[in-house]
């Protein structure tokens, strides 16, 4: 493997320098012993005065000191290179760990957003039912003023209540559209014509705007909010606001 080969190469380089230094040191010491034995003599060497002996030893060991200084420099340089490589590897590991943590953070955020959206959709179903009931009260308040003609029949209030009871939460929304767009009643009269209908319209506005705010918190792209505005409840809301008198 590349790591094994790299380590083996480093060891060979270090061993080569050490072997060379040890060999030169041994040769130098042997030469020093031979010099003392053949030229100075051990007796004369031992009888040397301290200053002369110190100068001799200083001159004798100065080359060895310089040799091991150079060898130590190269060994330290090699160690620094290894430490740098180790730190670079650790930095790479930390970088990958940070990337992994960021991916996990994004996944957690996506799961949290998905959970909020699921919760919102369940709440939205209940709010739409509530808005359908409020729209029914609005329509019924207007229909009662116009007698049996708006209470009975396939498009009357009673038929819409049956459809709503069967699960059609938009039944009264469509009935309101028929009355307004059919020119039978104006939006201002139907929504704001009496104190009772004004109260119902204000309740409808309050609940629908709260639903829009909840949608904005779990839908950064605004897709759910757009869908709500384009729903039958959203169109009823827009009609209410367009026809709303300044005093309401």
Protein backbone atom coordinates (compact mmCIF):
# COMPACT_ATOMS: atom_id res chain seq x y z
CA UNK A 1 0.00 0.00 0.00
CA UNK A 2 1.06 3.60 -0.55
CA UNK A 3 1.08 4.40 3.17
CA UNK A 4 3.30 1.40 3.90
CA UNK A 5 5.71 2.28 1.09
CA UNK A 6 5.87 5.92 2.23
CA UNK A 7 6.63 4.89 5.81
CA UNK A 8 9.28 2.42 4.64
CA UNK A 9 10.93 5.12 2.49
CA UNK A 10 11.01 7.53 5.41
CA UNK A 11 12.56 4.93 7.68
CA UNK A 12 15.20 4.07 5.08
CA UNK A 13 16.10 7.77 4.68
CA UNK A 14 16.42 8.23 8.42
CA UNK A 15 18.35 4.98 8.91
CA UNK A 16 20.76 5.98 6.12
CA UNK A 17 21.56 9.28 7.78
CA UNK A 18 21.92 7.67 11.18
CA UNK A 19 24.12 4.87 9.88
CA UNK A 20 26.31 7.35 8.03
CA UNK A 21 26.62 9.56 11.12
CA UNK A 22 27.38 6.66 13.42
CA UNK A 23 29.94 5.34 10.96
CA UNK A 24 31.70 8.69 10.59
CA UNK A 25 31.63 9.14 14.37
CA UNK A 26 33.20 5.73 14.89
CA UNK A 27 35.90 6.38 12.26
CA UNK A 28 36.67 9.77 13.77
CA UNK A 29 37.00 8.31 17.26
CA UNK A 30 39.23 5.51 16.01
CA UNK A 31 41.44 8.06 14.22
CA UNK A 32 41.56 10.12 17.40
CA UNK A 33 42.66 7.11 19.46
CA UNK A 34 45.30 6.23 16.84
CA UNK A 35 46.57 9.81 16.81
CA UNK A 36 46.89 9.90 20.57
CA UNK A 37 48.57 6.49 20.66
CA UNK A 38 51.08 7.10 17.87
CA UNK A 39 51.84 10.82 18.12
CA UNK A 40 51.11 12.09 21.62
CA UNK A 41 51.10 8.96 23.64
CA UNK A 42 48.62 8.17 26.37
CA UNK A 43 51.03 9.14 29.11
CA UNK A 44 51.75 12.53 27.57
CA UNK A 45 48.06 12.99 26.82
CA UNK A 46 47.07 12.38 30.44
CA UNK A 47 49.81 14.73 31.70
CA UNK A 48 48.53 17.64 29.59
CA UNK A 49 47.42 20.68 31.52
CA UNK A 50 43.71 21.42 31.66
CA UNK A 51 43.70 24.32 29.13
CA UNK A 52 45.69 22.38 26.59
CA UNK A 53 43.59 19.26 27.14
CA UNK A 54 40.39 21.30 26.75
CA UNK A 55 41.61 22.85 23.50
CA UNK A 56 42.48 19.43 22.17
CA UNK A 57 39.14 17.88 23.04
CA UNK A 58 37.32 20.93 21.68
CA UNK A 59 39.10 20.65 18.36
CA UNK A 60 38.64 16.88 18.29
CA UNK A 61 34.90 16.85 18.95
CA UNK A 62 33.93 20.04 17.06
CA UNK A 63 33.52 18.15 13.71
CA UNK A 64 31.36 15.53 15.45
CA UNK A 65 29.20 18.23 17.03
CA UNK A 66 28.73 19.88 13.65
CA UNK A 67 27.96 16.52 12.03
CA UNK A 68 25.24 15.66 14.56
CA UNK A 69 23.87 19.21 14.37
CA UNK A 70 23.35 18.76 10.63
CA UNK A 71 21.88 15.29 11.10
CA UNK A 72 19.54 16.60 13.80
CA UNK A 73 18.40 19.37 11.49
CA UNK A 74 17.48 16.88 8.77
CA UNK A 75 15.79 14.58 11.26
CA UNK A 76 13.79 17.49 12.65
CA UNK A 77 12.86 18.60 9.14
CA UNK A 78 11.61 15.11 8.39
CA UNK A 79 9.59 15.10 11.60
CA UNK A 80 8.09 18.46 10.73
CA UNK A 81 7.09 17.15 7.30
CA UNK A 82 5.44 14.15 8.89
CA UNK A 83 3.63 16.37 11.40
CA UNK A 84 2.48 18.64 8.57
CA UNK A 85 1.18 15.65 6.63
CA UNK A 86 -0.63 14.40 9.74
CA UNK A 87 -2.20 17.80 10.36
CA UNK A 88 -3.26 18.01 6.70
CA UNK A 89 -4.90 14.60 6.98
CA UNK A 90 -6.66 15.64 10.19
CA UNK A 91 -7.80 18.84 8.52
CA UNK A 92 -9.22 16.84 5.63
CA UNK A 93 -11.03 14.55 8.06
CA UNK A 94 -12.44 17.57 9.91
CA UNK A 95 -13.53 19.10 6.59
CA UNK A 96 -15.33 15.90 5.63
CA UNK A 97 -16.89 15.69 9.08
CA UNK A 98 -18.13 19.27 8.71
CA UNK A 99 -19.62 18.44 5.30
CA UNK A 100 -21.30 15.37 6.77
CA UNK A 101 -22.65 17.42 9.67
CA UNK A 102 -24.00 19.99 7.22
CA UNK A 103 -25.72 17.25 5.20
CA UNK A 104 -27.23 15.83 8.38
CA UNK A 105 -28.35 19.30 9.44
CA UNK A 106 -30.05 19.80 6.07
CA UNK A 107 -31.72 16.40 6.32
CA UNK A 108 -32.98 17.21 9.83
CA UNK A 109 -34.26 20.59 8.64
CA UNK A 110 -36.02 18.92 5.69
CA UNK A 111 -37.61 16.34 8.01
CA UNK A 112 -38.72 19.10 10.38
CA UNK A 113 -40.20 21.10 7.50
CA UNK A 114 -41.99 18.00 6.20
CA UNK A 115 -43.36 17.33 9.68
CA UNK A 116 -44.61 20.94 9.98
CA UNK A 117 -46.26 20.67 6.57
CA UNK A 118 -48.03 17.43 7.52
CA UNK A 119 -49.26 19.05 10.72
CA UNK A 120 -50.41 22.12 8.80
CA UNK A 121 -52.35 20.04 6.28
CA UNK A 122 -54.26 18.33 9.09
CA UNK A 123 -55.01 21.70 10.70
CA UNK A 124 -55.96 23.16 7.31
CA UNK A 125 -58.60 20.46 6.82
CA UNK A 126 -60.25 21.43 10.10
CA UNK A 127 -60.03 25.14 9.31
CA UNK A 128 -61.57 24.61 5.86
CA UNK A 129 -64.48 22.83 7.50
CA UNK A 130 -64.84 25.74 9.90
CA UNK A 131 -64.74 28.24 7.00
CA UNK A 132 -67.39 26.19 5.20
CA UNK A 133 -69.64 26.40 8.26
CA UNK A 134 -69.14 30.17 8.50
CA UNK A 135 -69.96 30.51 4.79
CA UNK A 136 -73.11 28.48 5.50
CA UNK A 137 -74.16 30.86 8.25
CA UNK A 138 -73.59 33.79 5.91
CA UNK A 139 -75.68 32.24 3.17
CA UNK A 140 -78.40 31.17 5.59
CA UNK A 141 -78.63 34.67 7.09
CA UNK A 142 -79.16 36.10 3.60
CA UNK A 143 -81.50 33.29 2.47
CA UNK A 144 -83.79 33.67 5.47
CA UNK A 145 -84.48 37.27 4.43
CA UNK A 146 -85.70 36.07 1.01
CA UNK A 147 -88.11 33.40 2.18
CA UNK A 148 -88.61 29.86 0.93
CA UNK A 149 -87.31 30.60 -2.55
CA UNK A 150 -83.74 30.64 -1.22
CA UNK A 151 -84.28 27.92 1.38
CA UNK A 152 -85.89 25.17 -0.70
CA UNK A 153 -84.96 23.65 -4.04
CA UNK A 154 -81.73 22.07 -5.38
CA UNK A 155 -79.78 25.33 -4.93
CA UNK A 156 -81.42 26.34 -1.65
CA UNK A 157 -79.78 26.62 1.71
CA UNK A 158 -81.20 23.32 2.96
CA UNK A 159 -79.73 21.41 0.00
CA UNK A 160 -76.35 23.01 0.60
CA UNK A 161 -76.45 21.98 4.25
CA UNK A 162 -77.07 18.39 3.16
CA UNK A 163 -74.13 18.54 0.77
CA UNK A 164 -71.94 20.02 3.48
CA UNK A 165 -72.98 17.31 5.89
CA UNK A 166 -71.95 14.73 3.29
CA UNK A 167 -68.41 16.14 3.28
CA UNK A 168 -68.59 18.87 0.64
CA UNK A 169 -67.04 21.74 2.61
CA UNK A 170 -67.19 24.06 -0.44
CA UNK A 171 -70.94 23.70 -1.01
CA UNK A 172 -71.83 27.12 0.40
CA UNK A 173 -68.82 28.73 -1.29
CA UNK A 174 -70.22 27.71 -4.67
CA UNK A 175 -73.74 28.79 -3.66
CA UNK A 176 -72.40 32.25 -2.75
CA UNK A 177 -70.61 32.46 -6.12
CA UNK A 178 -73.87 31.67 -7.90
CA UNK A 179 -75.74 34.39 -6.10
CA UNK A 180 -73.06 37.06 -6.56
CA UNK A 181 -71.96 36.28 -10.12
CA UNK A 182 -75.58 35.61 -11.11
CA UNK A 183 -76.43 39.18 -10.17
CA UNK A 184 -78.95 38.13 -7.52
CA UNK A 185 -77.17 39.92 -4.66
CA UNK A 186 -74.09 42.09 -4.35
CA UNK A 187 -71.06 40.95 -2.41
CA UNK A 188 -71.32 43.92 -0.06
CA UNK A 189 -74.91 43.11 0.86
CA UNK A 190 -74.31 39.38 1.26
CA UNK A 191 -71.15 39.72 3.34
CA UNK A 192 -71.61 43.01 5.15
CA UNK A 193 -75.32 43.85 4.78
CA UNK A 194 -76.34 43.19 8.39
CA UNK A 195 -74.53 43.15 11.75
CA UNK A 196 -74.90 39.35 11.89
CA UNK A 197 -73.37 38.80 8.44
CA UNK A 198 -70.68 41.37 9.23
CA UNK A 199 -69.72 39.34 12.30
CA UNK A 200 -69.62 36.13 10.25
CA UNK A 201 -67.49 37.81 7.57
CA UNK A 202 -65.07 39.12 10.19
CA UNK A 203 -64.76 35.61 11.66
CA UNK A 204 -64.18 34.18 8.18
CA UNK A 205 -61.47 36.78 7.51
CA UNK A 206 -59.79 36.14 10.86
CA UNK A 207 -59.59 32.36 10.43
CA UNK A 208 -58.49 32.51 6.80
CA UNK A 209 -55.70 35.01 7.51
CA UNK A 210 -54.47 32.89 10.43
CA UNK A 211 -54.40 29.90 8.09
CA UNK A 212 -52.33 31.90 5.59
CA UNK A 213 -49.82 32.82 8.29
CA UNK A 214 -49.49 29.20 9.37
CA UNK A 215 -48.91 28.20 5.75
CA UNK A 216 -46.13 30.77 5.42
CA UNK A 217 -44.25 29.28 8.38
CA UNK A 218 -44.07 25.79 6.86
CA UNK A 219 -43.83 26.70 3.16
CA UNK A 220 -40.80 28.86 2.27
CA UNK A 221 -41.66 28.71 -1.44
CA UNK A 222 -45.22 30.01 -0.89
CA UNK A 223 -46.84 27.16 -2.83
CA UNK A 224 -49.36 26.31 -0.10
CA UNK A 225 -50.30 29.96 0.36
CA UNK A 226 -50.94 30.32 -3.38
CA UNK A 227 -53.11 27.19 -3.31
CA UNK A 228 -55.11 28.59 -0.40
CA UNK A 229 -55.68 31.90 -2.17
CA UNK A 230 -56.90 30.07 -5.27
CA UNK A 231 -59.24 27.77 -3.34
CA UNK A 232 -62.96 28.49 -3.03
CA UNK A 233 -62.37 29.80 0.50
CA UNK A 234 -59.60 32.05 -0.86
CA UNK A 235 -61.86 33.47 -3.55
CA UNK A 236 -64.60 34.10 -0.97
CA UNK A 237 -61.99 35.90 1.13
CA UNK A 238 -61.01 38.11 -1.80
CA UNK A 239 -64.64 38.95 -2.54
CA UNK A 240 -65.12 39.87 1.10
CA UNK A 241 -62.14 42.20 1.15
CA UNK A 242 -63.00 43.83 -2.18
CA UNK A 243 -66.58 44.51 -1.03
CA UNK A 244 -65.71 45.38 2.55
CA UNK A 245 -66.94 48.83 3.54
CA UNK A 246 -64.53 51.10 5.33
CA UNK A 247 -66.56 50.96 8.55
CA UNK A 248 -66.51 47.15 8.82
